[in-house]
mmCIF file of all heavy atoms, coordinates in Angstrom:
data_MODEL
# 
_entry.id   MODEL 
# 
loop_
_atom_site.group_PDB 
_atom_site.id 
_atom_site.type_symbol 
_atom_site.label_atom_id 
_atom_site.label_alt_id 
_atom_site.label_comp_id 
_atom_site.label_asym_id 
_atom_site.label_entity_id 
_atom_site.label_seq_id 
_atom_site.pdbx_PDB_ins_code 
_atom_site.Cartn_x 
_atom_site.Cartn_y 
_atom_site.Cartn_z 
_atom_site.occupancy 
_atom_site.B_iso_or_equiv 
_atom_site.pdbx_formal_charge 
_atom_site.auth_seq_id 
_atom_site.auth_comp_id 
_atom_site.auth_asym_id 
_atom_site.auth_atom_id 
_atom_site.pdbx_PDB_model_num 
ATOM 1   N N   . PHE A 1 1  ? 26.370 -34.316 35.123 1.00 0.00 ? 1  PHE A N   1 
ATOM 2   C CA  . PHE A 1 1  ? 27.044 -35.577 35.392 1.00 0.00 ? 1  PHE A CA  1 
ATOM 3   C C   . PHE A 1 1  ? 26.175 -36.461 36.296 1.00 0.00 ? 1  PHE A C   1 
ATOM 4   O O   . PHE A 1 1  ? 26.321 -37.725 36.198 1.00 0.00 ? 1  PHE A O   1 
ATOM 5   C CB  . PHE A 1 1  ? 28.429 -35.304 36.024 1.00 0.00 ? 1  PHE A CB  1 
ATOM 6   C CG  . PHE A 1 1  ? 29.347 -34.675 35.047 1.00 0.00 ? 1  PHE A CG  1 
ATOM 7   C CD1 . PHE A 1 1  ? 29.702 -33.341 35.121 1.00 0.00 ? 1  PHE A CD1 1 
ATOM 8   C CD2 . PHE A 1 1  ? 29.910 -35.482 33.981 1.00 0.00 ? 1  PHE A CD2 1 
ATOM 9   C CE1 . PHE A 1 1  ? 30.557 -32.780 34.205 1.00 0.00 ? 1  PHE A CE1 1 
ATOM 10  C CE2 . PHE A 1 1  ? 30.719 -34.895 33.070 1.00 0.00 ? 1  PHE A CE2 1 
ATOM 11  C CZ  . PHE A 1 1  ? 31.041 -33.519 33.111 1.00 0.00 ? 1  PHE A CZ  1 
ATOM 12  N N   . THR A 1 2  ? 25.310 -35.908 37.119 1.00 0.00 ? 2  THR A N   1 
ATOM 13  C CA  . THR A 1 2  ? 24.383 -36.729 37.857 1.00 0.00 ? 2  THR A CA  1 
ATOM 14  C C   . THR A 1 2  ? 23.522 -37.503 36.942 1.00 0.00 ? 2  THR A C   1 
ATOM 15  O O   . THR A 1 2  ? 23.183 -38.703 37.091 1.00 0.00 ? 2  THR A O   1 
ATOM 16  C CB  . THR A 1 2  ? 23.549 -35.859 38.853 1.00 0.00 ? 2  THR A CB  1 
ATOM 17  O OG1 . THR A 1 2  ? 24.393 -35.158 39.686 1.00 0.00 ? 2  THR A OG1 1 
ATOM 18  C CG2 . THR A 1 2  ? 22.603 -36.736 39.660 1.00 0.00 ? 2  THR A CG2 1 
ATOM 19  N N   . ILE A 1 3  ? 22.998 -36.813 35.858 1.00 0.00 ? 3  ILE A N   1 
ATOM 20  C CA  . ILE A 1 3  ? 22.117 -37.419 34.919 1.00 0.00 ? 3  ILE A CA  1 
ATOM 21  C C   . ILE A 1 3  ? 22.965 -38.418 34.005 1.00 0.00 ? 3  ILE A C   1 
ATOM 22  O O   . ILE A 1 3  ? 22.527 -39.528 33.748 1.00 0.00 ? 3  ILE A O   1 
ATOM 23  C CB  . ILE A 1 3  ? 21.480 -36.341 33.975 1.00 0.00 ? 3  ILE A CB  1 
ATOM 24  C CG1 . ILE A 1 3  ? 20.709 -35.326 34.812 1.00 0.00 ? 3  ILE A CG1 1 
ATOM 25  C CG2 . ILE A 1 3  ? 20.644 -36.989 32.920 1.00 0.00 ? 3  ILE A CG2 1 
ATOM 26  C CD1 . ILE A 1 3  ? 20.231 -34.196 34.021 1.00 0.00 ? 3  ILE A CD1 1 
ATOM 27  N N   . PHE A 1 4  ? 24.129 -38.005 33.656 1.00 0.00 ? 4  PHE A N   1 
ATOM 28  C CA  . PHE A 1 4  ? 24.969 -38.816 32.791 1.00 0.00 ? 4  PHE A CA  1 
ATOM 29  C C   . PHE A 1 4  ? 25.221 -40.145 33.371 1.00 0.00 ? 4  PHE A C   1 
ATOM 30  O O   . PHE A 1 4  ? 25.215 -41.140 32.670 1.00 0.00 ? 4  PHE A O   1 
ATOM 31  C CB  . PHE A 1 4  ? 26.335 -38.037 32.492 1.00 0.00 ? 4  PHE A CB  1 
ATOM 32  C CG  . PHE A 1 4  ? 27.144 -38.578 31.351 1.00 0.00 ? 4  PHE A CG  1 
ATOM 33  C CD1 . PHE A 1 4  ? 27.069 -37.938 30.154 1.00 0.00 ? 4  PHE A CD1 1 
ATOM 34  C CD2 . PHE A 1 4  ? 27.912 -39.680 31.478 1.00 0.00 ? 4  PHE A CD2 1 
ATOM 35  C CE1 . PHE A 1 4  ? 27.828 -38.442 29.039 1.00 0.00 ? 4  PHE A CE1 1 
ATOM 36  C CE2 . PHE A 1 4  ? 28.627 -40.202 30.462 1.00 0.00 ? 4  PHE A CE2 1 
ATOM 37  C CZ  . PHE A 1 4  ? 28.571 -39.563 29.223 1.00 0.00 ? 4  PHE A CZ  1 
ATOM 38  N N   . LYS A 1 5  ? 25.590 -40.180 34.602 1.00 0.00 ? 5  LYS A N   1 
ATOM 39  C CA  . LYS A 1 5  ? 25.934 -41.491 35.282 1.00 0.00 ? 5  LYS A CA  1 
ATOM 40  C C   . LYS A 1 5  ? 24.813 -42.496 35.337 1.00 0.00 ? 5  LYS A C   1 
ATOM 41  O O   . LYS A 1 5  ? 25.028 -43.669 35.458 1.00 0.00 ? 5  LYS A O   1 
ATOM 42  C CB  . LYS A 1 5  ? 26.511 -41.230 36.692 1.00 0.00 ? 5  LYS A CB  1 
ATOM 43  C CG  . LYS A 1 5  ? 27.903 -40.649 36.750 1.00 0.00 ? 5  LYS A CG  1 
ATOM 44  C CD  . LYS A 1 5  ? 28.473 -40.537 38.144 1.00 0.00 ? 5  LYS A CD  1 
ATOM 45  C CE  . LYS A 1 5  ? 27.799 -39.370 38.917 1.00 0.00 ? 5  LYS A CE  1 
ATOM 46  N NZ  . LYS A 1 5  ? 28.578 -39.206 40.221 1.00 0.00 ? 5  LYS A NZ  1 
ATOM 47  N N   . LYS A 1 6  ? 23.560 -41.972 35.216 1.00 0.00 ? 6  LYS A N   1 
ATOM 48  C CA  . LYS A 1 6  ? 22.454 -42.877 35.202 1.00 0.00 ? 6  LYS A CA  1 
ATOM 49  C C   . LYS A 1 6  ? 22.267 -43.559 33.869 1.00 0.00 ? 6  LYS A C   1 
ATOM 50  O O   . LYS A 1 6  ? 21.715 -44.636 33.779 1.00 0.00 ? 6  LYS A O   1 
ATOM 51  C CB  . LYS A 1 6  ? 21.137 -42.088 35.552 1.00 0.00 ? 6  LYS A CB  1 
ATOM 52  C CG  . LYS A 1 6  ? 21.121 -41.612 36.989 1.00 0.00 ? 6  LYS A CG  1 
ATOM 53  C CD  . LYS A 1 6  ? 19.861 -40.836 37.277 1.00 0.00 ? 6  LYS A CD  1 
ATOM 54  C CE  . LYS A 1 6  ? 19.835 -40.309 38.708 1.00 0.00 ? 6  LYS A CE  1 
ATOM 55  N NZ  . LYS A 1 6  ? 18.655 -39.436 38.986 1.00 0.00 ? 6  LYS A NZ  1 
ATOM 56  N N   . ARG A 1 7  ? 22.643 -42.941 32.808 1.00 0.00 ? 7  ARG A N   1 
ATOM 57  C CA  . ARG A 1 7  ? 22.408 -43.475 31.434 1.00 0.00 ? 7  ARG A CA  1 
ATOM 58  C C   . ARG A 1 7  ? 23.756 -43.802 30.702 1.00 0.00 ? 7  ARG A C   1 
ATOM 59  O O   . ARG A 1 7  ? 23.667 -44.483 29.713 1.00 0.00 ? 7  ARG A O   1 
ATOM 60  C CB  . ARG A 1 7  ? 21.696 -42.424 30.591 1.00 0.00 ? 7  ARG A CB  1 
ATOM 61  C CG  . ARG A 1 7  ? 20.329 -41.965 31.213 1.00 0.00 ? 7  ARG A CG  1 
ATOM 62  C CD  . ARG A 1 7  ? 19.400 -43.149 31.422 1.00 0.00 ? 7  ARG A CD  1 
ATOM 63  N NE  . ARG A 1 7  ? 19.173 -43.943 30.253 1.00 0.00 ? 7  ARG A NE  1 
ATOM 64  C CZ  . ARG A 1 7  ? 18.205 -43.643 29.341 1.00 0.00 ? 7  ARG A CZ  1 
ATOM 65  N NH1 . ARG A 1 7  ? 17.383 -42.691 29.488 1.00 0.00 ? 7  ARG A NH1 1 
ATOM 66  N NH2 . ARG A 1 7  ? 18.042 -44.443 28.219 1.00 0.00 ? 7  ARG A NH2 1 
ATOM 67  N N   . GLY A 1 8  ? 24.895 -43.348 31.188 1.00 0.00 ? 8  GLY A N   1 
ATOM 68  C CA  . GLY A 1 8  ? 26.110 -43.596 30.460 1.00 0.00 ? 8  GLY A CA  1 
ATOM 69  C C   . GLY A 1 8  ? 27.246 -44.117 31.353 1.00 0.00 ? 8  GLY A C   1 
ATOM 70  O O   . GLY A 1 8  ? 27.042 -44.445 32.484 1.00 0.00 ? 8  GLY A O   1 
ATOM 71  N N   . VAL A 1 9  ? 28.456 -44.130 30.740 1.00 0.00 ? 9  VAL A N   1 
ATOM 72  C CA  . VAL A 1 9  ? 29.644 -44.586 31.480 1.00 0.00 ? 9  VAL A CA  1 
ATOM 73  C C   . VAL A 1 9  ? 30.609 -43.467 31.624 1.00 0.00 ? 9  VAL A C   1 
ATOM 74  O O   . VAL A 1 9  ? 30.929 -42.751 30.667 1.00 0.00 ? 9  VAL A O   1 
ATOM 75  C CB  . VAL A 1 9  ? 30.353 -45.683 30.597 1.00 0.00 ? 9  VAL A CB  1 
ATOM 76  C CG1 . VAL A 1 9  ? 31.661 -46.132 31.277 1.00 0.00 ? 9  VAL A CG1 1 
ATOM 77  C CG2 . VAL A 1 9  ? 29.457 -46.926 30.476 1.00 0.00 ? 9  VAL A CG2 1 
ATOM 78  N N   . LEU A 1 10 ? 30.978 -43.199 32.885 1.00 0.00 ? 10 LEU A N   1 
ATOM 79  C CA  . LEU A 1 10 ? 31.961 -42.167 33.244 1.00 0.00 ? 10 LEU A CA  1 
ATOM 80  C C   . LEU A 1 10 ? 33.212 -42.877 33.632 1.00 0.00 ? 10 LEU A C   1 
ATOM 81  O O   . LEU A 1 10 ? 33.271 -43.532 34.624 1.00 0.00 ? 10 LEU A O   1 
ATOM 82  C CB  . LEU A 1 10 ? 31.368 -41.271 34.389 1.00 0.00 ? 10 LEU A CB  1 
ATOM 83  C CG  . LEU A 1 10 ? 31.976 -39.973 34.657 1.00 0.00 ? 10 LEU A CG  1 
ATOM 84  C CD1 . LEU A 1 10 ? 31.800 -39.031 33.510 1.00 0.00 ? 10 LEU A CD1 1 
ATOM 85  C CD2 . LEU A 1 10 ? 31.423 -39.349 35.944 1.00 0.00 ? 10 LEU A CD2 1 
ATOM 86  N N   . LEU A 1 11 ? 34.235 -42.773 32.857 1.00 0.00 ? 11 LEU A N   1 
ATOM 87  C CA  . LEU A 1 11 ? 35.457 -43.672 33.026 1.00 0.00 ? 11 LEU A CA  1 
ATOM 88  C C   . LEU A 1 11 ? 36.687 -42.743 33.160 1.00 0.00 ? 11 LEU A C   1 
ATOM 89  O O   . LEU A 1 11 ? 37.027 -42.044 32.286 1.00 0.00 ? 11 LEU A O   1 
ATOM 90  C CB  . LEU A 1 11 ? 35.640 -44.569 31.865 1.00 0.00 ? 11 LEU A CB  1 
ATOM 91  C CG  . LEU A 1 11 ? 36.849 -45.521 31.933 1.00 0.00 ? 11 LEU A CG  1 
ATOM 92  C CD1 . LEU A 1 11 ? 36.707 -46.470 33.146 1.00 0.00 ? 11 LEU A CD1 1 
ATOM 93  C CD2 . LEU A 1 11 ? 36.901 -46.367 30.660 1.00 0.00 ? 11 LEU A CD2 1 
ATOM 94  N N   . LYS A 1 12 ? 37.333 -42.872 34.368 1.00 0.00 ? 12 LYS A N   1 
ATOM 95  C CA  . LYS A 1 12 ? 38.525 -42.086 34.609 1.00 0.00 ? 12 LYS A CA  1 
ATOM 96  C C   . LYS A 1 12 ? 39.725 -42.988 34.319 1.00 0.00 ? 12 LYS A C   1 
ATOM 97  O O   . LYS A 1 12 ? 39.884 -44.132 34.839 1.00 0.00 ? 12 LYS A O   1 
ATOM 98  C CB  . LYS A 1 12 ? 38.518 -41.595 36.106 1.00 0.00 ? 12 LYS A CB  1 
ATOM 99  C CG  . LYS A 1 12 ? 39.731 -40.728 36.408 1.00 0.00 ? 12 LYS A CG  1 
ATOM 100 C CD  . LYS A 1 12 ? 39.637 -40.297 37.866 1.00 0.00 ? 12 LYS A CD  1 
ATOM 101 C CE  . LYS A 1 12 ? 40.746 -39.279 38.173 1.00 0.00 ? 12 LYS A CE  1 
ATOM 102 N NZ  . LYS A 1 12 ? 40.742 -38.864 39.570 1.00 0.00 ? 12 LYS A NZ  1 
ATOM 103 N N   . LEU A 1 13 ? 40.688 -42.432 33.600 1.00 0.00 ? 13 LEU A N   1 
ATOM 104 C CA  . LEU A 1 13 ? 41.886 -43.223 33.190 1.00 0.00 ? 13 LEU A CA  1 
ATOM 105 C C   . LEU A 1 13 ? 43.125 -42.431 33.580 1.00 0.00 ? 13 LEU A C   1 
ATOM 106 O O   . LEU A 1 13 ? 43.654 -41.614 32.750 1.00 0.00 ? 13 LEU A O   1 
ATOM 107 C CB  . LEU A 1 13 ? 41.856 -43.547 31.661 1.00 0.00 ? 13 LEU A CB  1 
ATOM 108 C CG  . LEU A 1 13 ? 40.669 -44.356 31.245 1.00 0.00 ? 13 LEU A CG  1 
ATOM 109 C CD1 . LEU A 1 13 ? 40.605 -44.433 29.762 1.00 0.00 ? 13 LEU A CD1 1 
ATOM 110 C CD2 . LEU A 1 13 ? 40.819 -45.815 31.771 1.00 0.00 ? 13 LEU A CD2 1 
ATOM 111 N N   . ASP A 1 14 ? 43.613 -42.613 34.785 1.00 0.00 ? 14 ASP A N   1 
ATOM 112 C CA  . ASP A 1 14 ? 44.793 -42.007 35.207 1.00 0.00 ? 14 ASP A CA  1 
ATOM 113 C C   . ASP A 1 14 ? 46.011 -42.944 35.174 1.00 0.00 ? 14 ASP A C   1 
ATOM 114 O O   . ASP A 1 14 ? 45.768 -44.152 34.994 1.00 0.00 ? 14 ASP A O   1 
ATOM 115 C CB  . ASP A 1 14 ? 44.638 -41.470 36.676 1.00 0.00 ? 14 ASP A CB  1 
ATOM 116 C CG  . ASP A 1 14 ? 43.908 -40.156 36.744 1.00 0.00 ? 14 ASP A CG  1 
ATOM 117 O OD1 . ASP A 1 14 ? 43.903 -39.446 35.669 1.00 0.00 ? 14 ASP A OD1 1 
ATOM 118 O OD2 . ASP A 1 14 ? 43.392 -39.811 37.767 1.00 0.00 ? 14 ASP A OD2 1 
ATOM 119 N N   . PRO A 1 15 ? 47.261 -42.454 35.252 1.00 0.00 ? 15 PRO A N   1 
ATOM 120 C CA  . PRO A 1 15 ? 48.362 -43.391 35.192 1.00 0.00 ? 15 PRO A CA  1 
ATOM 121 C C   . PRO A 1 15 ? 48.265 -44.489 36.268 1.00 0.00 ? 15 PRO A C   1 
ATOM 122 O O   . PRO A 1 15 ? 47.805 -44.173 37.380 1.00 0.00 ? 15 PRO A O   1 
ATOM 123 C CB  . PRO A 1 15 ? 49.587 -42.453 35.476 1.00 0.00 ? 15 PRO A CB  1 
ATOM 124 C CG  . PRO A 1 15 ? 49.125 -41.141 34.975 1.00 0.00 ? 15 PRO A CG  1 
ATOM 125 C CD  . PRO A 1 15 ? 47.626 -41.078 35.322 1.00 0.00 ? 15 PRO A CD  1 
ATOM 126 N N   . LEU A 1 16 ? 48.758 -45.650 35.896 1.00 0.00 ? 16 LEU A N   1 
ATOM 127 C CA  . LEU A 1 16 ? 48.701 -46.761 36.869 1.00 0.00 ? 16 LEU A CA  1 
ATOM 128 C C   . LEU A 1 16 ? 49.697 -46.609 37.921 1.00 0.00 ? 16 LEU A C   1 
ATOM 129 O O   . LEU A 1 16 ? 50.798 -46.033 37.717 1.00 0.00 ? 16 LEU A O   1 
ATOM 130 C CB  . LEU A 1 16 ? 48.953 -48.087 36.096 1.00 0.00 ? 16 LEU A CB  1 
ATOM 131 C CG  . LEU A 1 16 ? 47.990 -48.538 35.049 1.00 0.00 ? 16 LEU A CG  1 
ATOM 132 C CD1 . LEU A 1 16 ? 48.424 -49.899 34.435 1.00 0.00 ? 16 LEU A CD1 1 
ATOM 133 C CD2 . LEU A 1 16 ? 46.590 -48.530 35.485 1.00 0.00 ? 16 LEU A CD2 1 
ATOM 134 N N   . ALA A 1 17 ? 49.353 -47.032 39.142 1.00 0.00 ? 17 ALA A N   1 
ATOM 135 C CA  . ALA A 1 17 ? 50.324 -47.165 40.200 1.00 0.00 ? 17 ALA A CA  1 
ATOM 136 C C   . ALA A 1 17 ? 51.362 -48.248 39.896 1.00 0.00 ? 17 ALA A C   1 
ATOM 137 O O   . ALA A 1 17 ? 51.027 -49.159 39.113 1.00 0.00 ? 17 ALA A O   1 
ATOM 138 C CB  . ALA A 1 17 ? 49.674 -47.414 41.559 1.00 0.00 ? 17 ALA A CB  1 
ATOM 139 N N   . GLU A 1 18 ? 52.564 -48.087 40.388 1.00 0.00 ? 18 GLU A N   1 
ATOM 140 C CA  . GLU A 1 18 ? 53.590 -49.089 40.072 1.00 0.00 ? 18 GLU A CA  1 
ATOM 141 C C   . GLU A 1 18 ? 53.194 -50.496 40.375 1.00 0.00 ? 18 GLU A C   1 
ATOM 142 O O   . GLU A 1 18 ? 53.462 -51.420 39.629 1.00 0.00 ? 18 GLU A O   1 
ATOM 143 C CB  . GLU A 1 18 ? 54.916 -48.759 40.851 1.00 0.00 ? 18 GLU A CB  1 
ATOM 144 C CG  . GLU A 1 18 ? 55.645 -47.549 40.282 1.00 0.00 ? 18 GLU A CG  1 
ATOM 145 C CD  . GLU A 1 18 ? 56.940 -47.236 41.051 1.00 0.00 ? 18 GLU A CD  1 
ATOM 146 O OE1 . GLU A 1 18 ? 57.369 -48.098 41.826 1.00 0.00 ? 18 GLU A OE1 1 
ATOM 147 O OE2 . GLU A 1 18 ? 57.497 -46.196 40.740 1.00 0.00 ? 18 GLU A OE2 1 
ATOM 148 N N   . ARG A 1 19 ? 52.498 -50.707 41.468 1.00 0.00 ? 19 ARG A N   1 
ATOM 149 C CA  . ARG A 1 19 ? 52.076 -52.093 41.852 1.00 0.00 ? 19 ARG A CA  1 
ATOM 150 C C   . ARG A 1 19 ? 51.038 -52.704 40.850 1.00 0.00 ? 19 ARG A C   1 
ATOM 151 O O   . ARG A 1 19 ? 50.809 -53.870 40.860 1.00 0.00 ? 19 ARG A O   1 
ATOM 152 C CB  . ARG A 1 19 ? 51.430 -52.030 43.210 1.00 0.00 ? 19 ARG A CB  1 
ATOM 153 C CG  . ARG A 1 19 ? 50.147 -51.329 43.402 1.00 0.00 ? 19 ARG A CG  1 
ATOM 154 C CD  . ARG A 1 19 ? 49.581 -51.366 44.781 1.00 0.00 ? 19 ARG A CD  1 
ATOM 155 N NE  . ARG A 1 19 ? 48.325 -50.626 44.912 1.00 0.00 ? 19 ARG A NE  1 
ATOM 156 C CZ  . ARG A 1 19 ? 48.216 -49.358 45.037 1.00 0.00 ? 19 ARG A CZ  1 
ATOM 157 N NH1 . ARG A 1 19 ? 49.278 -48.608 45.149 1.00 0.00 ? 19 ARG A NH1 1 
ATOM 158 N NH2 . ARG A 1 19 ? 47.049 -48.816 45.158 1.00 0.00 ? 19 ARG A NH2 1 
ATOM 159 N N   . GLN A 1 20 ? 50.396 -51.772 40.006 1.00 0.00 ? 20 GLN A N   1 
ATOM 160 C CA  . GLN A 1 20 ? 49.434 -52.299 39.054 1.00 0.00 ? 20 GLN A CA  1 
ATOM 161 C C   . GLN A 1 20 ? 50.054 -52.645 37.716 1.00 0.00 ? 20 GLN A C   1 
ATOM 162 O O   . GLN A 1 20 ? 49.420 -53.344 36.904 1.00 0.00 ? 20 GLN A O   1 
ATOM 163 C CB  . GLN A 1 20 ? 48.342 -51.172 38.823 1.00 0.00 ? 20 GLN A CB  1 
ATOM 164 C CG  . GLN A 1 20 ? 47.490 -50.814 39.939 1.00 0.00 ? 20 GLN A CG  1 
ATOM 165 C CD  . GLN A 1 20 ? 46.605 -49.665 39.663 1.00 0.00 ? 20 GLN A CD  1 
ATOM 166 O OE1 . GLN A 1 20 ? 47.016 -48.560 39.459 1.00 0.00 ? 20 GLN A OE1 1 
ATOM 167 N NE2 . GLN A 1 20 ? 45.256 -49.921 39.594 1.00 0.00 ? 20 GLN A NE2 1 
ATOM 168 N N   . VAL A 1 21 ? 51.268 -52.234 37.494 1.00 0.00 ? 21 VAL A N   1 
ATOM 169 C CA  . VAL A 1 21 ? 51.904 -52.426 36.229 1.00 0.00 ? 21 VAL A CA  1 
ATOM 170 C C   . VAL A 1 21 ? 52.085 -53.937 35.852 1.00 0.00 ? 21 VAL A C   1 
ATOM 171 O O   . VAL A 1 21 ? 51.829 -54.309 34.697 1.00 0.00 ? 21 VAL A O   1 
ATOM 172 C CB  . VAL A 1 21 ? 53.243 -51.637 36.058 1.00 0.00 ? 21 VAL A CB  1 
ATOM 173 C CG1 . VAL A 1 21 ? 53.906 -51.940 34.781 1.00 0.00 ? 21 VAL A CG1 1 
ATOM 174 C CG2 . VAL A 1 21 ? 52.957 -50.159 36.247 1.00 0.00 ? 21 VAL A CG2 1 
ATOM 175 N N   . PRO A 1 22 ? 52.591 -54.763 36.749 1.00 0.00 ? 22 PRO A N   1 
ATOM 176 C CA  . PRO A 1 22 ? 52.663 -56.168 36.387 1.00 0.00 ? 22 PRO A CA  1 
ATOM 177 C C   . PRO A 1 22 ? 51.431 -56.810 35.854 1.00 0.00 ? 22 PRO A C   1 
ATOM 178 O O   . PRO A 1 22 ? 51.362 -57.656 34.912 1.00 0.00 ? 22 PRO A O   1 
ATOM 179 C CB  . PRO A 1 22 ? 53.249 -56.847 37.658 1.00 0.00 ? 22 PRO A CB  1 
ATOM 180 C CG  . PRO A 1 22 ? 53.905 -55.829 38.405 1.00 0.00 ? 22 PRO A CG  1 
ATOM 181 C CD  . PRO A 1 22 ? 53.078 -54.577 38.079 1.00 0.00 ? 22 PRO A CD  1 
ATOM 182 N N   . ALA A 1 23 ? 50.284 -56.406 36.521 1.00 0.00 ? 23 ALA A N   1 
ATOM 183 C CA  . ALA A 1 23 ? 48.999 -57.028 36.042 1.00 0.00 ? 23 ALA A CA  1 
ATOM 184 C C   . ALA A 1 23 ? 48.626 -56.452 34.646 1.00 0.00 ? 23 ALA A C   1 
ATOM 185 O O   . ALA A 1 23 ? 48.011 -57.163 33.887 1.00 0.00 ? 23 ALA A O   1 
ATOM 186 C CB  . ALA A 1 23 ? 47.865 -56.633 37.088 1.00 0.00 ? 23 ALA A CB  1 
ATOM 187 N N   . PHE A 1 24 ? 48.994 -55.214 34.389 1.00 0.00 ? 24 PHE A N   1 
ATOM 188 C CA  . PHE A 1 24 ? 48.829 -54.651 32.986 1.00 0.00 ? 24 PHE A CA  1 
ATOM 189 C C   . PHE A 1 24 ? 49.639 -55.518 32.016 1.00 0.00 ? 24 PHE A C   1 
ATOM 190 O O   . PHE A 1 24 ? 49.176 -55.788 30.939 1.00 0.00 ? 24 PHE A O   1 
ATOM 191 C CB  . PHE A 1 24 ? 49.222 -53.172 32.989 1.00 0.00 ? 24 PHE A CB  1 
ATOM 192 C CG  . PHE A 1 24 ? 48.932 -52.574 31.613 1.00 0.00 ? 24 PHE A CG  1 
ATOM 193 C CD1 . PHE A 1 24 ? 47.737 -52.111 31.275 1.00 0.00 ? 24 PHE A CD1 1 
ATOM 194 C CD2 . PHE A 1 24 ? 50.036 -52.429 30.760 1.00 0.00 ? 24 PHE A CD2 1 
ATOM 195 C CE1 . PHE A 1 24 ? 47.531 -51.504 30.011 1.00 0.00 ? 24 PHE A CE1 1 
ATOM 196 C CE2 . PHE A 1 24 ? 49.815 -51.873 29.489 1.00 0.00 ? 24 PHE A CE2 1 
ATOM 197 C CZ  . PHE A 1 24 ? 48.606 -51.409 29.126 1.00 0.00 ? 24 PHE A CZ  1 
ATOM 198 N N   . VAL A 1 25 ? 50.846 -55.809 32.347 1.00 0.00 ? 25 VAL A N   1 
ATOM 199 C CA  . VAL A 1 25 ? 51.716 -56.656 31.513 1.00 0.00 ? 25 VAL A CA  1 
ATOM 200 C C   . VAL A 1 25 ? 51.015 -58.009 31.247 1.00 0.00 ? 25 VAL A C   1 
ATOM 201 O O   . VAL A 1 25 ? 50.929 -58.422 30.048 1.00 0.00 ? 25 VAL A O   1 
ATOM 202 C CB  . VAL A 1 25 ? 53.093 -56.936 32.173 1.00 0.00 ? 25 VAL A CB  1 
ATOM 203 C CG1 . VAL A 1 25 ? 53.900 -57.865 31.261 1.00 0.00 ? 25 VAL A CG1 1 
ATOM 204 C CG2 . VAL A 1 25 ? 53.812 -55.571 32.302 1.00 0.00 ? 25 VAL A CG2 1 
ATOM 205 N N   . LEU A 1 26 ? 50.507 -58.621 32.282 1.00 0.00 ? 26 LEU A N   1 
ATOM 206 C CA  . LEU A 1 26 ? 49.791 -59.907 32.132 1.00 0.00 ? 26 LEU A CA  1 
ATOM 207 C C   . LEU A 1 26 ? 48.557 -59.758 31.178 1.00 0.00 ? 26 LEU A C   1 
ATOM 208 O O   . LEU A 1 26 ? 48.251 -60.584 30.346 1.00 0.00 ? 26 LEU A O   1 
ATOM 209 C CB  . LEU A 1 26 ? 49.338 -60.447 33.431 1.00 0.00 ? 26 LEU A CB  1 
ATOM 210 C CG  . LEU A 1 26 ? 50.431 -60.855 34.415 1.00 0.00 ? 26 LEU A CG  1 
ATOM 211 C CD1 . LEU A 1 26 ? 49.891 -61.261 35.740 1.00 0.00 ? 26 LEU A CD1 1 
ATOM 212 C CD2 . LEU A 1 26 ? 51.238 -62.049 33.862 1.00 0.00 ? 26 LEU A CD2 1 
# 
């Protein structure tokens, strides 16, 4: 993963916090 992060995209997608949901609606 040290090598991976230099050449690629490591993207974590966890559930949104409640305060983030209105912005997701927008």
